[in-house]
Amino acid sequence: MTPLRQRMTEDMQLRGLSPNTQRSYLSYVSLLARHYGCSPDQLTEDDLRDYFLYLQNERKLSQGSCRAHLSGIKFLYTFTLKREWQVFDLLRPKPEKKLPVVLSVKEVRQVLGCLHRPHYRACLNTIYACGLRVGEAARLRVNEIDSTRMQLHINQGKGNKDRRVPLTEHTLQELRTFWATHRNPVWVFPRLLHRKVDPLATTPITTRSIERAFKAALRDSGITKDATVHTLRHSWATHLLESGVSLRLIQIWLGHSSIRSTARYTHLTQTLEANAADQLDSLVSALA
């Protein structure tokens, strides 16, 4: 490990960035160094400008991908190398305003019904039932299941934030049934060994294997939407909103810092739109 990489890693630890974020940031910086064939501390503002033109025009990366690269590279130059470059203001792409893909309740049931291996079925069912991120489900510990208060304790989620999410009796029983098949003392979903759950595993199941299982189930279901594991979280929030759960409560359960992040689900709720249209019709009819 080079001294610059070591210093950046330590800086990210001091800033409290998650291990996944640290790995991502280091990979973006490594790609930059590989592109120019030299250490990043030898590059100029114009070099960075040209590099992001390359990412957009030649590699055809999306705005979201460019933002991810920029976050990692900016961290290096701002915090580790202490360079206050104005080029970063120019490179910040305008956010894309895309609505997330959402599956209907029937489609969720259809996809999850195509999962035949118990560990993936239990994990993905929990992701939908509790609105979890894939990493939160993979790293779920036995002691984070609170059967007394019927909650999952999500510790150090995105942004190093803790939160509590409701746990239904059905999901609790499914988790208990699955855990009884391996009885790992730490992990609800232990790492696999030769395609089987390892009862003695000291690490959890990988997020990549969960994502592969979901993609296979999506393909087998015949649903053509561009869905990912994260789509289950979007769908959960949308279905709760359609069922009349308050936006504020959904925000808390999702762990969103801003209500604006949660409010985008109001654009995806067919039931609420239909009810609003009926109420508007009643108001207008009353004027006649």
Protein backbone atom coordinates (compact mmCIF):
# COMPACT_ATOMS: atom_id res chain seq x y z
CA MET A 1 0.00 0.00 0.00
CA THR A 2 1.41 3.39 -1.01
CA PRO A 3 1.74 6.12 1.62
CA LEU A 4 -0.90 8.21 -0.20
CA ARG A 5 -3.39 5.33 -0.21
CA GLN A 6 -2.67 4.67 3.47
CA ARG A 7 -3.20 8.35 4.34
CA MET A 8 -6.47 8.52 2.41
CA THR A 9 -7.70 5.34 4.11
CA GLU A 10 -6.94 6.79 7.53
CA ASP A 11 -8.66 10.07 6.59
CA MET A 12 -11.79 8.18 5.54
CA GLN A 13 -11.77 6.26 8.82
CA LEU A 14 -11.50 9.52 10.75
CA ARG A 15 -14.46 10.92 8.78
CA GLY A 16 -16.49 7.85 9.75
CA LEU A 17 -17.05 6.55 6.21
CA SER A 18 -18.36 2.99 5.99
CA PRO A 19 -16.03 0.19 4.78
CA ASN A 20 -18.02 -0.10 1.54
CA THR A 21 -17.67 3.63 0.86
CA GLN A 22 -13.95 3.45 1.61
CA ARG A 23 -13.48 0.63 -0.88
CA SER A 24 -15.45 2.49 -3.54
CA TYR A 25 -13.53 5.75 -3.06
CA LEU A 26 -10.19 3.94 -3.28
CA SER A 27 -11.26 2.15 -6.46
CA TYR A 28 -12.22 5.46 -8.14
CA VAL A 29 -8.88 6.99 -7.23
CA SER A 30 -7.07 3.87 -8.49
CA LEU A 31 -8.85 4.15 -11.85
CA LEU A 32 -7.79 7.79 -12.10
CA ALA A 33 -4.15 6.90 -11.36
CA ARG A 34 -4.23 4.02 -13.84
CA HIS A 35 -5.67 6.27 -16.54
CA TYR A 36 -2.74 8.70 -16.30
CA GLY A 37 -0.10 6.19 -15.26
CA CYS A 38 1.08 8.24 -12.30
CA SER A 39 0.30 9.08 -8.70
CA PRO A 40 -2.81 11.30 -8.29
CA ASP A 41 -0.81 13.88 -6.32
CA GLN A 42 1.04 14.73 -9.56
CA LEU A 43 -2.13 15.64 -11.48
CA THR A 44 -3.49 19.14 -12.16
CA GLU A 45 -6.98 20.63 -12.26
CA ASP A 46 -6.91 20.41 -16.06
CA ASP A 47 -6.07 16.71 -15.79
CA LEU A 48 -9.18 16.15 -13.70
CA ARG A 49 -11.29 18.17 -16.12
CA ASP A 50 -10.06 16.04 -19.03
CA TYR A 51 -10.60 12.83 -17.06
CA PHE A 52 -14.26 13.56 -16.41
CA LEU A 53 -14.76 14.48 -20.06
CA TYR A 54 -13.31 11.06 -20.83
CA LEU A 55 -15.73 9.36 -18.41
CA GLN A 56 -18.71 11.13 -19.99
CA ASN A 57 -17.78 11.14 -23.68
CA GLU A 58 -15.79 7.95 -24.14
CA ARG A 59 -16.84 5.63 -21.35
CA LYS A 60 -20.42 6.97 -21.55
CA LEU A 61 -20.94 6.80 -17.79
CA SER A 62 -24.25 7.99 -16.39
CA GLN A 63 -24.49 11.11 -14.26
CA GLY A 64 -24.91 8.93 -11.20
CA SER A 65 -21.69 7.03 -11.95
CA CYS A 66 -19.82 10.28 -12.61
CA ARG A 67 -21.04 11.64 -9.27
CA ALA A 68 -19.75 8.51 -7.55
CA HIS A 69 -16.32 8.88 -9.16
CA LEU A 70 -16.28 12.57 -8.26
CA SER A 71 -17.09 11.89 -4.60
CA GLY A 72 -14.10 9.58 -4.19
CA ILE A 73 -11.67 11.73 -6.13
CA LYS A 74 -12.82 14.93 -4.43
CA PHE A 75 -12.28 13.34 -1.03
CA LEU A 76 -8.64 12.64 -1.91
CA TYR A 77 -7.87 16.14 -3.11
CA THR A 78 -9.95 18.01 -0.53
CA PHE A 79 -9.17 16.12 2.69
CA THR A 80 -5.96 14.19 2.04
CA LEU A 81 -4.05 16.49 -0.32
CA LYS A 82 -5.64 19.72 1.02
CA ARG A 83 -6.19 21.20 -2.43
CA GLU A 84 -9.10 23.63 -2.71
CA TRP A 85 -9.63 23.32 -6.43
CA GLN A 86 -12.50 25.17 -8.10
CA VAL A 87 -12.72 22.51 -10.79
CA PHE A 88 -14.84 20.40 -8.43
CA ASP A 89 -17.66 22.96 -8.63
CA LEU A 90 -17.61 22.60 -12.41
CA LEU A 91 -17.51 18.81 -12.34
CA ARG A 92 -20.53 18.37 -10.09
CA PRO A 93 -23.18 17.08 -12.55
CA LYS A 94 -26.77 18.24 -12.32
CA PRO A 95 -28.77 15.56 -10.48
CA GLU A 96 -30.99 13.36 -12.61
CA LYS A 97 -34.64 13.40 -11.58
CA LYS A 98 -35.59 9.81 -12.20
CA LEU A 99 -38.32 7.97 -10.37
CA PRO A 100 -37.32 4.55 -9.01
CA VAL A 101 -38.68 1.33 -10.48
CA VAL A 102 -41.47 -0.12 -8.34
CA LEU A 103 -43.05 -3.56 -8.41
CA SER A 104 -46.68 -4.12 -7.57
CA VAL A 105 -47.59 -6.36 -4.63
CA LYS A 106 -48.45 -9.11 -7.10
CA GLU A 107 -45.11 -8.71 -8.89
CA VAL A 108 -43.18 -8.81 -5.60
CA ARG A 109 -44.96 -12.03 -4.69
CA GLN A 110 -44.20 -13.39 -8.16
CA VAL A 111 -40.46 -12.66 -7.96
CA LEU A 112 -40.00 -13.89 -4.40
CA GLY A 113 -41.94 -17.02 -5.30
CA CYS A 114 -39.19 -17.91 -7.77
CA LEU A 115 -36.57 -18.15 -5.00
CA HIS A 116 -36.00 -21.82 -4.19
CA ARG A 117 -32.93 -21.76 -1.94
CA PRO A 118 -34.00 -21.10 1.68
CA HIS A 119 -31.24 -18.61 2.60
CA TYR A 120 -31.97 -16.35 -0.36
CA ARG A 121 -35.73 -16.65 0.08
CA ALA A 122 -35.56 -15.75 3.78
CA CYS A 123 -33.14 -12.88 3.16
CA LEU A 124 -35.03 -11.28 0.26
CA ASN A 125 -38.38 -11.75 1.99
CA THR A 126 -36.94 -9.84 4.96
CA ILE A 127 -35.61 -7.09 2.70
CA TYR A 128 -39.11 -6.48 1.34
CA ALA A 129 -40.97 -7.01 4.61
CA CYS A 130 -38.77 -4.52 6.49
CA GLY A 131 -37.68 -2.12 3.74
CA LEU A 132 -34.00 -2.92 4.19
CA ARG A 133 -30.99 -2.14 2.05
CA VAL A 134 -29.22 -5.27 0.81
CA GLY A 135 -26.18 -4.64 3.01
CA GLU A 136 -28.37 -4.16 6.09
CA ALA A 137 -30.05 -7.51 5.52
CA ALA A 138 -26.79 -9.33 4.79
CA ARG A 139 -25.20 -8.03 8.02
CA LEU A 140 -28.25 -8.62 10.22
CA ARG A 141 -27.18 -10.05 13.58
CA VAL A 142 -29.19 -12.39 15.78
CA ASN A 143 -29.15 -9.90 18.68
CA GLU A 144 -30.66 -7.18 16.45
CA ILE A 145 -34.01 -9.00 16.31
CA ASP A 146 -36.20 -7.64 19.09
CA SER A 147 -39.11 -10.06 19.38
CA THR A 148 -40.44 -8.28 22.48
CA ARG A 149 -40.97 -4.95 20.73
CA MET A 150 -41.35 -6.60 17.31
CA GLN A 151 -38.58 -4.54 15.73
CA LEU A 152 -35.33 -4.96 13.86
CA HIS A 153 -32.48 -2.82 15.16
CA ILE A 154 -30.55 -1.58 12.14
CA ASN A 155 -27.20 -0.48 13.55
CA GLN A 156 -24.80 1.68 11.56
CA GLY A 157 -26.86 1.75 8.37
CA LYS A 158 -26.20 4.18 5.55
CA GLY A 159 -24.57 7.33 6.91
CA ASN A 160 -23.68 5.41 10.10
CA LYS A 161 -27.23 5.95 11.36
CA ASP A 162 -29.11 3.59 13.65
CA ARG A 163 -32.84 3.07 13.24
CA ARG A 164 -35.67 0.73 14.18
CA VAL A 165 -38.05 -0.88 11.68
CA PRO A 166 -41.24 -2.81 12.42
CA LEU A 167 -41.18 -6.60 12.34
CA THR A 168 -44.31 -8.58 11.53
CA GLU A 169 -45.16 -11.85 13.22
CA HIS A 170 -44.93 -13.66 9.85
CA THR A 171 -41.40 -12.33 9.20
CA LEU A 172 -40.30 -13.13 12.76
CA GLN A 173 -41.43 -16.74 12.38
CA GLU A 174 -39.71 -17.04 9.01
CA LEU A 175 -36.45 -15.72 10.48
CA ARG A 176 -36.70 -18.09 13.43
CA THR A 177 -37.38 -21.06 11.17
CA PHE A 178 -34.45 -20.23 8.93
CA TRP A 179 -32.04 -19.54 11.82
CA ALA A 180 -32.94 -22.92 13.33
CA THR A 181 -31.41 -24.58 10.23
CA HIS A 182 -27.91 -23.32 11.10
CA ARG A 183 -27.95 -21.68 14.58
CA ASN A 184 -24.99 -19.43 13.90
CA PRO A 185 -24.46 -17.46 17.16
CA VAL A 186 -23.87 -14.12 15.40
CA TRP A 187 -25.32 -13.90 11.90
CA VAL A 188 -28.90 -14.43 10.79
CA PHE A 189 -27.62 -15.00 7.24
CA PRO A 190 -24.12 -16.50 7.54
CA ARG A 191 -21.69 -16.78 4.66
CA LEU A 192 -22.17 -19.77 2.35
CA LEU A 193 -19.69 -22.61 2.14
CA HIS A 194 -20.00 -24.87 -0.91
CA ARG A 195 -23.43 -23.33 -1.62
CA LYS A 196 -24.68 -24.21 1.87
CA VAL A 197 -25.03 -22.06 4.98
CA ASP A 198 -21.94 -22.39 7.17
CA PRO A 199 -23.05 -22.65 10.83
CA LEU A 200 -19.54 -21.65 11.97
CA ALA A 201 -19.13 -18.71 9.59
CA THR A 202 -17.55 -15.62 11.09
CA THR A 203 -18.75 -13.39 8.24
CA PRO A 204 -22.22 -12.81 6.75
CA ILE A 205 -23.55 -13.71 3.33
CA THR A 206 -22.24 -11.50 0.53
CA THR A 207 -24.41 -8.83 -1.01
CA ARG A 208 -23.27 -9.91 -4.46
CA SER A 209 -24.72 -13.40 -4.03
CA ILE A 210 -28.04 -11.90 -2.87
CA GLU A 211 -28.14 -9.64 -5.93
CA ARG A 212 -27.41 -12.58 -8.24
CA ALA A 213 -30.20 -14.62 -6.65
CA PHE A 214 -32.65 -11.74 -7.12
CA LYS A 215 -31.69 -11.28 -10.77
CA ALA A 216 -32.21 -14.99 -11.41
CA ALA A 217 -35.62 -14.90 -9.70
CA LEU A 218 -36.61 -11.80 -11.66
CA ARG A 219 -35.68 -13.53 -14.90
CA ASP A 220 -37.59 -16.70 -13.95
CA SER A 221 -40.67 -14.64 -13.01
CA GLY A 222 -40.97 -13.27 -16.54
CA ILE A 223 -41.19 -9.68 -15.27
CA THR A 224 -39.32 -7.34 -17.63
CA LYS A 225 -38.97 -4.30 -15.36
CA ASP A 226 -35.41 -3.13 -14.73
CA ALA A 227 -35.59 -4.09 -11.07
CA THR A 228 -32.82 -4.71 -8.53
CA VAL A 229 -32.77 -5.83 -4.91
CA HIS A 230 -33.15 -2.15 -3.94
CA THR A 231 -36.43 -2.13 -5.88
CA LEU A 232 -37.92 -4.19 -3.04
CA ARG A 233 -37.22 -1.30 -0.65
CA HIS A 234 -38.79 1.22 -3.04
CA SER A 235 -41.79 -1.07 -3.48
CA TRP A 236 -42.21 -1.52 0.29
CA ALA A 237 -42.29 2.24 0.85
CA THR A 238 -44.75 2.77 -2.01
CA HIS A 239 -47.07 0.01 -0.82
CA LEU A 240 -47.05 1.41 2.74
CA LEU A 241 -47.96 4.85 1.42
CA GLU A 242 -50.79 3.39 -0.64
CA SER A 243 -52.04 1.62 2.49
CA GLY A 244 -52.35 4.94 4.30
CA VAL A 245 -49.17 4.92 6.41
CA SER A 246 -47.98 8.49 7.01
CA LEU A 247 -45.08 9.82 4.95
CA ARG A 248 -43.29 10.92 8.13
CA LEU A 249 -43.40 7.42 9.61
CA ILE A 250 -42.12 5.88 6.38
CA GLN A 251 -39.28 8.43 6.40
CA ILE A 252 -38.26 7.28 9.89
CA TRP A 253 -38.42 3.60 8.97
CA LEU A 254 -36.39 4.16 5.80
CA GLY A 255 -33.81 6.22 7.67
CA HIS A 256 -34.07 9.23 5.32
CA SER A 257 -32.61 12.46 6.69
CA SER A 258 -34.88 14.59 4.52
CA ILE A 259 -38.61 14.19 3.93
CA ARG A 260 -37.94 15.15 0.31
CA SER A 261 -36.20 11.81 -0.26
CA THR A 262 -39.32 10.00 0.94
CA ALA A 263 -41.77 12.31 -0.82
CA ARG A 264 -40.80 10.98 -4.25
CA TYR A 265 -42.87 7.88 -3.49
CA THR A 266 -45.98 10.04 -3.70
CA HIS A 267 -45.35 10.16 -7.47
CA LEU A 268 -45.52 6.37 -7.63
CA THR A 269 -48.73 5.64 -5.76
CA GLN A 270 -51.58 4.78 -8.09
CA THR A 271 -54.02 4.27 -5.22
CA LEU A 272 -53.42 7.70 -3.71
CA GLU A 273 -53.72 9.34 -7.12
CA ALA A 274 -57.03 7.60 -7.73
CA ASN A 275 -58.36 8.58 -4.29
CA ALA A 276 -57.26 12.19 -4.82
CA ALA A 277 -58.99 12.26 -8.18
CA ASP A 278 -62.21 10.96 -6.58
CA GLN A 279 -62.04 13.59 -3.84
CA LEU A 280 -61.45 16.34 -6.39
CA ASP A 281 -64.41 15.12 -8.39
CA SER A 282 -66.59 15.22 -5.27
CA LEU A 283 -65.49 18.78 -4.47
CA VAL A 284 -66.21 20.00 -7.97
CA SER A 285 -69.55 18.18 -8.09
CA ALA A 286 -70.58 19.89 -4.86
CA LEU A 287 -70.28 23.25 -6.63
CA ALA A 288 -72.84 22.31 -9.25
